[in-house]
Amino acid sequence: MRGRLVLVTGGGAIGLLVGLLARHSGAAEVVVADPTPQRRPRPRA
């Protein structure tokens, strides 16, 4: 995963953990997509 773009489909507990693991493993960017508005992460500045 090092240096790659990772798309995680689903922003529940497992999806967020997968995103964190991808970042920890060196992913350049992690995108979490979820159809449920309440589970979409808020953008950070």
Protein backbone atom coordinates (compact mmCIF):
# COMPACT_ATOMS: atom_id res chain seq x y z
CA MET A 1 0.00 0.00 0.00
CA ARG A 2 2.93 2.32 0.46
CA GLY A 3 2.45 5.46 -1.61
CA ARG A 4 -0.89 4.41 -3.10
CA LEU A 5 -4.41 5.84 -3.04
CA VAL A 6 -6.79 3.64 -1.04
CA LEU A 7 -10.60 3.70 -1.28
CA VAL A 8 -12.52 2.23 1.65
CA THR A 9 -16.18 1.54 0.92
CA GLY A 10 -18.16 1.88 4.14
CA GLY A 11 -17.50 4.28 6.99
CA GLY A 12 -18.59 2.12 9.88
CA ALA A 13 -16.29 0.86 12.60
CA ILE A 14 -14.56 -1.69 10.38
CA GLY A 15 -14.19 0.71 7.45
CA LEU A 16 -12.61 3.36 9.67
CA LEU A 17 -10.21 0.81 11.13
CA VAL A 18 -9.25 -0.33 7.62
CA GLY A 19 -8.61 3.31 6.69
CA LEU A 20 -6.40 3.82 9.74
CA LEU A 21 -4.51 0.62 8.95
CA ALA A 22 -3.98 1.75 5.35
CA ARG A 23 -2.59 5.10 6.56
CA HIS A 24 -0.37 3.33 9.07
CA SER A 25 0.87 1.05 6.27
CA GLY A 26 2.01 4.04 4.21
CA ALA A 27 -0.92 4.84 1.93
CA ALA A 28 -0.46 8.28 0.35
CA GLU A 29 -4.16 9.06 0.60
CA VAL A 30 -7.17 7.28 2.09
CA VAL A 31 -10.72 8.01 0.91
CA VAL A 32 -13.68 6.66 2.89
CA ALA A 33 -16.97 6.52 0.96
CA ASP A 34 -20.29 5.82 2.67
CA PRO A 35 -23.86 6.39 1.46
CA THR A 36 -25.07 7.15 5.01
CA PRO A 37 -24.55 10.90 5.72
CA GLN A 38 -24.19 10.37 9.49
CA ARG A 39 -21.17 8.12 8.98
CA ARG A 40 -19.31 10.33 6.53
CA PRO A 41 -16.18 11.77 8.10
CA ARG A 42 -16.05 15.53 8.30
CA PRO A 43 -13.31 17.15 6.16
CA ARG A 44 -10.31 18.38 8.11
CA ALA A 45 -8.50 21.62 7.35
